[in-house]
Structure formats: C-alpha cells, structure tokens
Amino acid sequence: LIKGMAGTGKTSLALAILKESLKNDNTPIYISTRVMPNLIKLQYPWLENYIEKIRFIDASNVDLMLPSQDTIKNLKNKLKFQNTPDFFVKIFEFTENIENCTIVIDSWNAVAEAGINNGQFEKNRIEPVLTELVRQHNFKLVFVLEDSNENFMDYLVDGVLILNNSRYYNRRIR
C-alpha cells in the first residue's frame, strides 16, 4: 500500500515499482482510475523507454475519445466499471492469461468509492475480497491510496509506505 496526500510521489513510486518488476519477468499492469494513461505518459517522460512493456489500463471512466492511430488499442485497454464487483471481474478478464504480473491500482479510492456509493459492499468489505482473489492467483498488487491516515486497508497488505511533503528552506521535500 502506497499512501499519501496529493503531490507526495505516490504515482512516481508506483511506476518505479512496475519498472523494477520487469527484471523478474513480471507483466507490469498500471490501472489508472483518476487520470487517463496518456496524460500519465506525458507527465513521466522516462516511461518512453518502457512504454511497450508496461500495460496501461484506463479505468478513469473519462469518456474522451482522443483521435490517434492507437484508437483500437486504447479501446482494448479501457476498463469501464459501474461498481466494485464489476471492477474485480474486469481486472481478472484483463489478467486471466497472465501467470506472473504486478498490478498497480492508482488510485484505489475511486474503486472503493464506486462500490460504497452504489451500495455494493459495506465499508471495509471491498479490500479483503480483492486481496484474497489476488492471493489465489499469485499476483503482486500495489494499491495507491490518496490518504495518509491509518485505516482498515493497512491491516490487509504486506507493507505500508506513507509518503509526505514538507518544506525545508524554501525547498520541497518528498
């Protein structure tokens, strides 16, 4: 679990973890729930060297169709979900033929909110279902959470990284 407030480096760290997972013959999968992947690729130019190896899945539910040569590829990598159970099904459809993968869900807040707002799950019941499914399929899963407070999720994962921002002599430290 990587958590922290906006601008603390959560996405940067998550992408670096995916880059490192390539060394272990993992299939890296980045699921973006808040920002369209093409914007993430613009924000992190170093990804250019890994763009063909990291699978970006757009779960942002932003219905903008950008004209490009990759329109069909973009449609294949679009994960539309209405609620949290639907999100689970879609993840396993995307990964059913992959044996060794590392999945980053950035950010988990959007998925959890969809489940709670649609009355699909009680609070604190969503994450155990996903973590158990991941254990059964032997995936590596990284949650990115837009919050730094202690919560139920902290007890479900193998490790928690809390990222912070601070100022030191007019310099930003993350």
N, C-alpha and C. Protein backbone atom coordinates (compact mmCIF):
# COMPACT_ATOMS: atom_id res chain seq x y z
N LEU A 1 0.85 -1.17 0.00
CA LEU A 1 0.00 0.00 0.00
C LEU A 1 0.89 1.23 0.00
N ILE A 2 0.68 2.10 -0.97
CA ILE A 2 1.38 3.39 -1.02
C ILE A 2 0.33 4.44 -0.76
N LYS A 3 0.54 5.25 0.26
CA LYS A 3 -0.47 6.26 0.53
C LYS A 3 0.16 7.59 0.91
N GLY A 4 -0.61 8.64 0.68
CA GLY A 4 -0.15 9.98 0.98
C GLY A 4 -1.05 10.98 0.28
N MET A 5 -0.87 12.22 0.60
CA MET A 5 -1.67 13.28 0.01
C MET A 5 -1.16 13.59 -1.40
N ALA A 6 -1.87 14.45 -2.10
CA ALA A 6 -1.50 14.83 -3.47
C ALA A 6 -0.09 15.41 -3.51
N GLY A 7 0.66 15.02 -4.54
CA GLY A 7 1.98 15.59 -4.76
C GLY A 7 3.10 15.00 -3.93
N THR A 8 2.86 13.88 -3.28
CA THR A 8 3.90 13.30 -2.44
C THR A 8 4.76 12.27 -3.17
N GLY A 9 4.38 11.90 -4.39
CA GLY A 9 5.19 10.97 -5.18
C GLY A 9 4.65 9.56 -5.26
N LYS A 10 3.38 9.38 -4.94
CA LYS A 10 2.79 8.04 -4.95
C LYS A 10 2.84 7.40 -6.34
N THR A 11 2.42 8.14 -7.35
CA THR A 11 2.41 7.60 -8.71
C THR A 11 3.83 7.36 -9.19
N SER A 12 4.74 8.26 -8.89
CA SER A 12 6.15 8.08 -9.29
C SER A 12 6.71 6.78 -8.71
N LEU A 13 6.44 6.54 -7.44
CA LEU A 13 6.93 5.32 -6.80
C LEU A 13 6.26 4.09 -7.40
N ALA A 14 4.97 4.15 -7.62
CA ALA A 14 4.24 3.01 -8.19
C ALA A 14 4.78 2.65 -9.57
N LEU A 15 5.05 3.65 -10.39
CA LEU A 15 5.60 3.40 -11.73
C LEU A 15 7.02 2.84 -11.64
N ALA A 16 7.81 3.31 -10.68
CA ALA A 16 9.15 2.77 -10.49
C ALA A 16 9.10 1.30 -10.06
N ILE A 17 8.12 0.95 -9.25
CA ILE A 17 7.94 -0.46 -8.85
C ILE A 17 7.62 -1.31 -10.08
N LEU A 18 6.76 -0.80 -10.95
CA LEU A 18 6.45 -1.55 -12.18
C LEU A 18 7.68 -1.71 -13.05
N LYS A 19 8.49 -0.67 -13.16
CA LYS A 19 9.72 -0.74 -13.94
C LYS A 19 10.63 -1.83 -13.37
N GLU A 20 10.78 -1.86 -12.06
CA GLU A 20 11.62 -2.87 -11.41
C GLU A 20 11.06 -4.28 -11.58
N SER A 21 9.74 -4.40 -11.65
CA SER A 21 9.12 -5.73 -11.79
C SER A 21 9.50 -6.38 -13.12
N LEU A 22 9.88 -5.58 -14.10
CA LEU A 22 10.31 -6.13 -15.39
C LEU A 22 11.54 -7.02 -15.25
N LYS A 23 12.38 -6.75 -14.26
CA LYS A 23 13.60 -7.53 -14.04
C LYS A 23 13.30 -8.96 -13.61
N ASN A 24 12.10 -9.19 -13.08
CA ASN A 24 11.70 -10.52 -12.59
C ASN A 24 10.73 -11.22 -13.53
N ASP A 25 10.75 -10.86 -14.79
CA ASP A 25 9.84 -11.44 -15.79
C ASP A 25 8.37 -11.29 -15.42
N ASN A 26 8.05 -10.19 -14.78
CA ASN A 26 6.66 -9.87 -14.46
C ASN A 26 6.04 -9.13 -15.63
N THR A 27 4.75 -9.24 -15.76
CA THR A 27 4.00 -8.39 -16.67
C THR A 27 3.49 -7.22 -15.83
N PRO A 28 4.00 -6.02 -16.04
CA PRO A 28 3.55 -4.88 -15.24
C PRO A 28 2.26 -4.30 -15.82
N ILE A 29 1.29 -4.09 -14.94
CA ILE A 29 -0.01 -3.54 -15.35
C ILE A 29 -0.31 -2.34 -14.46
N TYR A 30 -0.56 -1.20 -15.10
CA TYR A 30 -0.88 0.03 -14.38
C TYR A 30 -2.33 0.37 -14.67
N ILE A 31 -3.17 0.34 -13.65
CA ILE A 31 -4.59 0.66 -13.79
C ILE A 31 -4.82 2.05 -13.23
N SER A 32 -5.20 2.97 -14.09
CA SER A 32 -5.40 4.36 -13.70
C SER A 32 -6.90 4.63 -13.54
N THR A 33 -7.31 5.02 -12.34
CA THR A 33 -8.73 5.26 -12.08
C THR A 33 -9.09 6.74 -12.05
N ARG A 34 -8.10 7.62 -12.02
CA ARG A 34 -8.39 9.05 -11.91
C ARG A 34 -7.93 9.85 -13.13
N VAL A 35 -6.82 9.42 -13.74
CA VAL A 35 -6.21 10.18 -14.82
C VAL A 35 -6.06 9.26 -16.02
N MET A 36 -6.31 9.80 -17.21
CA MET A 36 -6.15 9.00 -18.41
C MET A 36 -4.67 8.64 -18.59
N PRO A 37 -4.37 7.39 -18.95
CA PRO A 37 -2.97 6.95 -19.08
C PRO A 37 -2.13 7.80 -20.02
N ASN A 38 -2.71 8.34 -21.09
CA ASN A 38 -1.90 9.16 -21.99
C ASN A 38 -1.36 10.40 -21.27
N LEU A 39 -2.10 10.92 -20.28
CA LEU A 39 -1.60 12.06 -19.51
C LEU A 39 -0.49 11.65 -18.55
N ILE A 40 -0.58 10.45 -18.03
CA ILE A 40 0.48 9.94 -17.15
C ILE A 40 1.76 9.75 -17.96
N LYS A 41 1.62 9.24 -19.17
CA LYS A 41 2.79 9.04 -20.02
C LYS A 41 3.46 10.38 -20.35
N LEU A 42 2.66 11.43 -20.48
CA LEU A 42 3.23 12.77 -20.72
C LEU A 42 3.94 13.31 -19.48
N GLN A 43 3.37 13.05 -18.32
CA GLN A 43 3.92 13.58 -17.07
C GLN A 43 5.23 12.89 -16.67
N TYR A 44 5.41 11.65 -17.11
CA TYR A 44 6.60 10.88 -16.76
C TYR A 44 7.34 10.48 -18.03
N PRO A 45 8.15 11.39 -18.58
CA PRO A 45 8.81 11.12 -19.86
C PRO A 45 9.75 9.91 -19.83
N TRP A 46 10.29 9.54 -18.67
CA TRP A 46 11.18 8.38 -18.58
C TRP A 46 10.45 7.08 -18.94
N LEU A 47 9.11 7.11 -18.91
CA LEU A 47 8.33 5.92 -19.28
C LEU A 47 8.50 5.55 -20.75
N GLU A 48 8.96 6.50 -21.56
CA GLU A 48 9.11 6.24 -23.00
C GLU A 48 9.92 4.97 -23.26
N ASN A 49 10.92 4.71 -22.43
CA ASN A 49 11.76 3.53 -22.60
C ASN A 49 11.05 2.23 -22.23
N TYR A 50 9.92 2.32 -21.53
CA TYR A 50 9.23 1.13 -21.03
C TYR A 50 7.80 1.05 -21.55
N ILE A 51 7.44 1.95 -22.43
CA ILE A 51 6.06 2.11 -22.86
C ILE A 51 5.48 0.84 -23.48
N GLU A 52 6.29 0.06 -24.16
CA GLU A 52 5.81 -1.18 -24.78
C GLU A 52 5.72 -2.33 -23.79
N LYS A 53 6.40 -2.20 -22.65
CA LYS A 53 6.46 -3.30 -21.69
C LYS A 53 5.44 -3.17 -20.57
N ILE A 54 5.06 -1.95 -20.23
CA ILE A 54 4.07 -1.73 -19.17
C ILE A 54 2.70 -1.61 -19.82
N ARG A 55 1.77 -2.40 -19.35
CA ARG A 55 0.40 -2.35 -19.89
C ARG A 55 -0.40 -1.32 -19.10
N PHE A 56 -0.85 -0.29 -19.78
CA PHE A 56 -1.65 0.76 -19.15
C PHE A 56 -3.12 0.49 -19.40
N ILE A 57 -3.90 0.46 -18.33
CA ILE A 57 -5.34 0.24 -18.45
C ILE A 57 -6.05 1.47 -17.92
N ASP A 58 -6.91 2.01 -18.74
CA ASP A 58 -7.66 3.22 -18.39
C ASP A 58 -8.96 2.84 -17.71
N ALA A 59 -9.03 3.07 -16.41
CA ALA A 59 -10.25 2.84 -15.64
C ALA A 59 -10.77 4.17 -15.12
N SER A 60 -10.38 5.25 -15.78
CA SER A 60 -10.73 6.60 -15.31
C SER A 60 -12.19 6.93 -15.54
N ASN A 61 -12.87 6.18 -16.41
CA ASN A 61 -14.26 6.45 -16.77
C ASN A 61 -14.44 7.86 -17.31
N VAL A 62 -13.36 8.39 -17.89
CA VAL A 62 -13.44 9.66 -18.58
C VAL A 62 -13.77 9.34 -20.03
N ASP A 63 -14.89 9.81 -20.50
CA ASP A 63 -15.33 9.46 -21.84
C ASP A 63 -14.86 10.45 -22.89
N LEU A 64 -13.56 10.59 -23.01
CA LEU A 64 -12.98 11.42 -24.06
C LEU A 64 -12.32 10.49 -25.06
N MET A 65 -12.66 10.65 -26.29
CA MET A 65 -12.02 9.84 -27.31
C MET A 65 -11.03 10.73 -28.05
N LEU A 66 -9.77 10.50 -27.83
CA LEU A 66 -8.75 11.29 -28.47
C LEU A 66 -8.39 10.65 -29.81
N PRO A 67 -8.51 11.39 -30.91
CA PRO A 67 -8.17 10.79 -32.20
C PRO A 67 -6.68 10.47 -32.27
N SER A 68 -6.38 9.23 -32.61
CA SER A 68 -4.99 8.82 -32.73
C SER A 68 -4.93 7.53 -33.54
N GLN A 69 -3.71 7.12 -33.85
CA GLN A 69 -3.52 5.87 -34.56
C GLN A 69 -3.81 4.68 -33.66
N ASP A 70 -3.74 4.90 -32.37
CA ASP A 70 -3.91 3.81 -31.42
C ASP A 70 -5.32 3.70 -30.88
N THR A 71 -6.32 4.14 -31.62
CA THR A 71 -7.69 4.14 -31.11
C THR A 71 -8.15 2.74 -30.72
N ILE A 72 -7.89 1.75 -31.54
CA ILE A 72 -8.34 0.39 -31.21
C ILE A 72 -7.60 -0.13 -29.99
N LYS A 73 -6.29 0.12 -29.92
CA LYS A 73 -5.52 -0.29 -28.76
C LYS A 73 -6.06 0.37 -27.49
N ASN A 74 -6.40 1.67 -27.59
CA ASN A 74 -6.95 2.38 -26.44
C ASN A 74 -8.27 1.78 -25.99
N LEU A 75 -9.10 1.38 -26.94
CA LEU A 75 -10.39 0.77 -26.59
C LEU A 75 -10.18 -0.57 -25.87
N LYS A 76 -9.20 -1.34 -26.32
CA LYS A 76 -8.92 -2.63 -25.69
C LYS A 76 -8.42 -2.45 -24.26
N ASN A 77 -7.76 -1.35 -24.01
CA ASN A 77 -7.20 -1.10 -22.68
C ASN A 77 -8.06 -0.15 -21.86
N LYS A 78 -9.35 -0.10 -22.15
CA LYS A 78 -10.29 0.74 -21.41
C LYS A 78 -11.08 -0.17 -20.48
N LEU A 79 -11.03 0.11 -19.21
CA LEU A 79 -11.73 -0.69 -18.23
C LEU A 79 -12.88 0.15 -17.69
N LYS A 80 -14.08 -0.13 -18.16
CA LYS A 80 -15.26 0.60 -17.70
C LYS A 80 -15.91 -0.21 -16.59
N PHE A 81 -16.19 0.44 -15.48
CA PHE A 81 -16.86 -0.26 -14.40
C PHE A 81 -17.88 0.66 -13.74
N GLN A 82 -18.95 0.06 -13.29
CA GLN A 82 -20.02 0.81 -12.63
C GLN A 82 -19.95 0.65 -11.12
N ASN A 83 -19.36 -0.46 -10.69
CA ASN A 83 -19.31 -0.74 -9.26
C ASN A 83 -18.08 -1.59 -8.98
N THR A 84 -17.82 -1.84 -7.73
CA THR A 84 -16.61 -2.55 -7.36
C THR A 84 -16.60 -4.00 -7.82
N PRO A 85 -17.68 -4.77 -7.69
CA PRO A 85 -17.63 -6.14 -8.22
C PRO A 85 -17.34 -6.17 -9.71
N ASP A 86 -17.89 -5.23 -10.44
CA ASP A 86 -17.63 -5.13 -11.88
C ASP A 86 -16.14 -4.87 -12.12
N PHE A 87 -15.53 -4.05 -11.28
CA PHE A 87 -14.10 -3.77 -11.38
C PHE A 87 -13.29 -5.06 -11.20
N PHE A 88 -13.66 -5.88 -10.19
CA PHE A 88 -12.97 -7.16 -9.96
C PHE A 88 -13.03 -8.04 -11.21
N VAL A 89 -14.21 -8.17 -11.77
CA VAL A 89 -14.41 -9.01 -12.95
C VAL A 89 -13.53 -8.52 -14.10
N LYS A 90 -13.52 -7.21 -14.32
CA LYS A 90 -12.73 -6.64 -15.42
C LYS A 90 -11.24 -6.88 -15.23
N ILE A 91 -10.74 -6.74 -13.99
CA ILE A 91 -9.32 -6.98 -13.74
C ILE A 91 -8.97 -8.42 -14.11
N PHE A 92 -9.80 -9.36 -13.70
CA PHE A 92 -9.48 -10.75 -13.98
C PHE A 92 -9.69 -11.12 -15.45
N GLU A 93 -10.54 -10.40 -16.15
CA GLU A 93 -10.63 -10.58 -17.60
C GLU A 93 -9.34 -10.12 -18.27
N PHE A 94 -8.79 -9.00 -17.81
CA PHE A 94 -7.55 -8.47 -18.38
C PHE A 94 -6.35 -9.35 -18.06
N THR A 95 -6.41 -10.08 -16.95
CA THR A 95 -5.23 -10.81 -16.49
C THR A 95 -5.38 -12.33 -16.53
N GLU A 96 -6.46 -12.84 -17.08
CA GLU A 96 -6.72 -14.28 -16.99
C GLU A 96 -5.66 -15.15 -17.65
N ASN A 97 -4.97 -14.66 -18.65
CA ASN A 97 -3.95 -15.45 -19.34
C ASN A 97 -2.53 -15.08 -18.92
N ILE A 98 -2.41 -14.32 -17.86
CA ILE A 98 -1.08 -13.88 -17.38
C ILE A 98 -0.77 -14.64 -16.10
N GLU A 99 0.41 -15.24 -16.06
CA GLU A 99 0.77 -16.03 -14.89
C GLU A 99 1.54 -15.25 -13.83
N ASN A 100 2.33 -14.30 -14.25
CA ASN A 100 3.19 -13.59 -13.33
C ASN A 100 3.04 -12.09 -13.60
N CYS A 101 2.32 -11.39 -12.75
CA CYS A 101 2.14 -9.96 -13.01
C CYS A 101 2.17 -9.15 -11.72
N THR A 102 2.51 -7.90 -11.91
CA THR A 102 2.43 -6.91 -10.84
C THR A 102 1.42 -5.88 -11.30
N ILE A 103 0.41 -5.66 -10.46
CA ILE A 103 -0.67 -4.75 -10.80
C ILE A 103 -0.63 -3.56 -9.84
N VAL A 104 -0.67 -2.36 -10.40
CA VAL A 104 -0.80 -1.14 -9.61
C VAL A 104 -2.19 -0.58 -9.88
N ILE A 105 -2.94 -0.32 -8.81
CA ILE A 105 -4.23 0.35 -8.93
C ILE A 105 -4.06 1.74 -8.36
N ASP A 106 -4.09 2.73 -9.24
CA ASP A 106 -3.83 4.13 -8.86
C ASP A 106 -5.01 4.99 -9.32
N SER A 107 -5.86 5.35 -8.47
CA SER A 107 -5.86 5.14 -7.05
C SER A 107 -7.03 4.24 -6.67
N TRP A 108 -6.84 3.56 -5.56
CA TRP A 108 -7.85 2.65 -5.06
C TRP A 108 -9.10 3.40 -4.59
N ASN A 109 -8.95 4.66 -4.20
CA ASN A 109 -10.08 5.45 -3.69
C ASN A 109 -11.26 5.45 -4.66
N ALA A 110 -10.99 5.60 -5.94
CA ALA A 110 -12.07 5.66 -6.94
C ALA A 110 -12.84 4.36 -7.00
N VAL A 111 -12.14 3.24 -6.89
CA VAL A 111 -12.80 1.93 -6.95
C VAL A 111 -13.63 1.71 -5.69
N ALA A 112 -13.06 2.01 -4.54
CA ALA A 112 -13.78 1.82 -3.28
C ALA A 112 -15.00 2.72 -3.21
N GLU A 113 -14.86 3.95 -3.66
CA GLU A 113 -16.00 4.88 -3.66
C GLU A 113 -17.11 4.39 -4.57
N ALA A 114 -16.77 3.81 -5.70
CA ALA A 114 -17.79 3.30 -6.62
C ALA A 114 -18.58 2.18 -5.96
N GLY A 115 -17.91 1.31 -5.23
CA GLY A 115 -18.60 0.20 -4.56
C GLY A 115 -19.48 0.67 -3.43
N ILE A 116 -18.98 1.59 -2.64
CA ILE A 116 -19.75 2.08 -1.49
C ILE A 116 -20.92 2.94 -1.96
N ASN A 117 -20.67 3.82 -2.93
CA ASN A 117 -21.72 4.72 -3.41
C ASN A 117 -22.85 3.97 -4.11
N ASN A 118 -22.54 2.82 -4.71
CA ASN A 118 -23.56 2.04 -5.39
C ASN A 118 -24.17 0.99 -4.47
N GLY A 119 -23.79 1.00 -3.20
CA GLY A 119 -24.36 0.07 -2.24
C GLY A 119 -23.97 -1.38 -2.48
N GLN A 120 -22.87 -1.63 -3.16
CA GLN A 120 -22.47 -3.00 -3.48
C GLN A 120 -21.84 -3.71 -2.29
N PHE A 121 -21.08 -2.99 -1.51
CA PHE A 121 -20.37 -3.58 -0.39
C PHE A 121 -20.47 -2.66 0.82
N GLU A 122 -20.37 -3.28 1.98
CA GLU A 122 -20.22 -2.47 3.18
C GLU A 122 -18.80 -1.94 3.19
N LYS A 123 -18.62 -0.83 3.88
CA LYS A 123 -17.26 -0.31 4.04
C LYS A 123 -16.42 -1.39 4.72
N ASN A 124 -15.17 -1.50 4.34
CA ASN A 124 -14.21 -2.49 4.86
C ASN A 124 -14.48 -3.92 4.40
N ARG A 125 -15.33 -4.12 3.42
CA ARG A 125 -15.55 -5.46 2.87
C ARG A 125 -15.00 -5.56 1.45
N ILE A 126 -14.69 -4.45 0.85
CA ILE A 126 -14.24 -4.45 -0.54
C ILE A 126 -12.82 -5.00 -0.64
N GLU A 127 -11.90 -4.46 0.13
CA GLU A 127 -10.49 -4.80 0.01
C GLU A 127 -10.19 -6.26 0.33
N PRO A 128 -10.79 -6.86 1.37
CA PRO A 128 -10.48 -8.27 1.64
C PRO A 128 -10.84 -9.18 0.47
N VAL A 129 -11.91 -8.87 -0.24
CA VAL A 129 -12.29 -9.69 -1.39
C VAL A 129 -11.20 -9.62 -2.45
N LEU A 130 -10.74 -8.43 -2.77
CA LEU A 130 -9.71 -8.29 -3.79
C LEU A 130 -8.39 -8.90 -3.35
N THR A 131 -7.97 -8.67 -2.12
CA THR A 131 -6.69 -9.22 -1.68
C THR A 131 -6.73 -10.75 -1.68
N GLU A 132 -7.85 -11.35 -1.36
CA GLU A 132 -7.95 -12.82 -1.40
C GLU A 132 -7.91 -13.34 -2.83
N LEU A 133 -8.59 -12.67 -3.74
CA LEU A 133 -8.53 -13.07 -5.14
C LEU A 133 -7.11 -12.98 -5.69
N VAL A 134 -6.39 -11.94 -5.29
CA VAL A 134 -5.01 -11.77 -5.74
C VAL A 134 -4.12 -12.87 -5.17
N ARG A 135 -4.32 -13.22 -3.91
CA ARG A 135 -3.53 -14.30 -3.30
C ARG A 135 -3.76 -15.62 -4.03
N GLN A 136 -5.01 -15.89 -4.38
CA GLN A 136 -5.34 -17.14 -5.07
C GLN A 136 -4.68 -17.22 -6.44
N HIS A 137 -4.50 -16.07 -7.10
CA HIS A 137 -3.90 -16.05 -8.43
C HIS A 137 -2.41 -15.72 -8.39
N ASN A 138 -1.87 -15.52 -7.20
CA ASN A 138 -0.45 -15.26 -7.01
C ASN A 138 0.04 -14.01 -7.75
N PHE A 139 -0.78 -12.97 -7.78
CA PHE A 139 -0.37 -11.70 -8.36
C PHE A 139 0.29 -10.86 -7.29
N LYS A 140 1.06 -9.89 -7.74
CA LYS A 140 1.57 -8.87 -6.83
C LYS A 140 0.71 -7.64 -7.06
N LEU A 141 0.22 -7.06 -6.00
CA LEU A 141 -0.71 -5.95 -6.12
C LEU A 141 -0.25 -4.78 -5.28
N VAL A 142 -0.24 -3.60 -5.90
CA VAL A 142 0.12 -2.37 -5.21
C VAL A 142 -1.10 -1.45 -5.26
N PHE A 143 -1.60 -1.09 -4.10
CA PHE A 143 -2.68 -0.12 -4.00
C PHE A 143 -2.07 1.26 -3.80
N VAL A 144 -2.60 2.26 -4.49
CA VAL A 144 -2.23 3.64 -4.24
C VAL A 144 -3.46 4.29 -3.61
N LEU A 145 -3.27 4.89 -2.46
CA LEU A 145 -4.38 5.46 -1.70
C LEU A 145 -4.12 6.95 -1.47
N GLU A 146 -5.11 7.78 -1.76
CA GLU A 146 -4.99 9.23 -1.63
C GLU A 146 -5.36 9.68 -0.22
N ASP A 147 -4.62 9.17 0.74
CA ASP A 147 -4.90 9.46 2.14
C ASP A 147 -3.70 8.99 2.94
N SER A 148 -3.39 9.65 4.02
CA SER A 148 -2.26 9.20 4.82
C SER A 148 -2.69 8.70 6.20
N ASN A 149 -3.98 8.72 6.47
CA ASN A 149 -4.48 8.28 7.77
C ASN A 149 -4.45 6.75 7.88
N GLU A 150 -4.32 6.26 9.10
CA GLU A 150 -4.39 4.82 9.32
C GLU A 150 -5.82 4.37 9.06
N ASN A 151 -5.95 3.25 8.35
CA ASN A 151 -7.28 2.72 8.08
C ASN A 151 -7.24 1.20 7.96
N PHE A 152 -8.39 0.62 7.72
CA PHE A 152 -8.55 -0.83 7.64
C PHE A 152 -7.61 -1.47 6.62
N MET A 153 -7.38 -0.78 5.52
CA MET A 153 -6.54 -1.29 4.44
C MET A 153 -5.13 -1.60 4.93
N ASP A 154 -4.62 -0.85 5.90
CA ASP A 154 -3.27 -1.05 6.42
C ASP A 154 -3.06 -2.48 6.96
N TYR A 155 -4.13 -3.11 7.43
CA TYR A 155 -4.03 -4.42 8.05
C TYR A 155 -4.17 -5.57 7.05
N LEU A 156 -4.49 -5.25 5.81
CA LEU A 156 -4.69 -6.28 4.79
C LEU A 156 -3.46 -6.52 3.92
N VAL A 157 -2.55 -5.58 3.91
CA VAL A 157 -1.43 -5.63 2.98
C VAL A 157 -0.15 -6.07 3.69
N ASP A 158 0.85 -6.42 2.90
CA ASP A 158 2.12 -6.86 3.46
C ASP A 158 2.99 -5.70 3.93
N GLY A 159 2.77 -4.51 3.37
CA GLY A 159 3.57 -3.36 3.76
C GLY A 159 2.85 -2.06 3.43
N VAL A 160 3.16 -1.03 4.21
CA VAL A 160 2.54 0.29 4.02
C VAL A 160 3.65 1.33 3.89
N LEU A 161 3.61 2.10 2.81
CA LEU A 161 4.52 3.22 2.64
C LEU A 161 3.69 4.50 2.71
N ILE A 162 4.04 5.38 3.62
CA ILE A 162 3.35 6.65 3.75
C ILE A 162 4.29 7.74 3.25
N LEU A 163 3.87 8.43 2.20
CA LEU A 163 4.69 9.48 1.61
C LEU A 163 4.19 10.84 2.08
N ASN A 164 5.12 11.74 2.33
CA ASN A 164 4.79 13.07 2.84
C ASN A 164 5.50 14.15 2.03
N ASN A 165 4.99 15.33 2.13
CA ASN A 165 5.57 16.55 1.57
C ASN A 165 5.98 17.45 2.72
N SER A 166 7.10 18.12 2.58
CA SER A 166 7.45 19.13 3.57
C SER A 166 8.31 20.19 2.88
N ARG A 167 8.56 21.26 3.60
CA ARG A 167 9.39 22.36 3.10
C ARG A 167 10.62 22.47 3.98
N TYR A 168 11.75 22.69 3.34
CA TYR A 168 12.99 22.91 4.06
C TYR A 168 13.74 24.02 3.34
N TYR A 169 13.84 25.19 3.96
CA TYR A 169 14.49 26.35 3.36
C TYR A 169 13.98 26.60 1.94
N ASN A 170 12.68 26.75 1.82
CA ASN A 170 12.02 27.02 0.54
C ASN A 170 12.21 25.93 -0.50
N ARG A 171 12.55 24.73 -0.07
CA ARG A 171 12.65 23.61 -0.98
C ARG A 171 11.64 22.55 -0.59
N ARG A 172 11.05 21.99 -1.60
CA ARG A 172 10.05 20.94 -1.36
C ARG A 172 10.75 19.60 -1.22
N ILE A 173 10.41 18.89 -0.17
CA ILE A 173 10.99 17.58 0.08
C ILE A 173 9.85 16.57 0.07
N ARG A 174 10.04 15.49 -0.69
CA ARG A 174 9.04 14.43 -0.72
C ARG A 174 9.68 13.16 -0.19
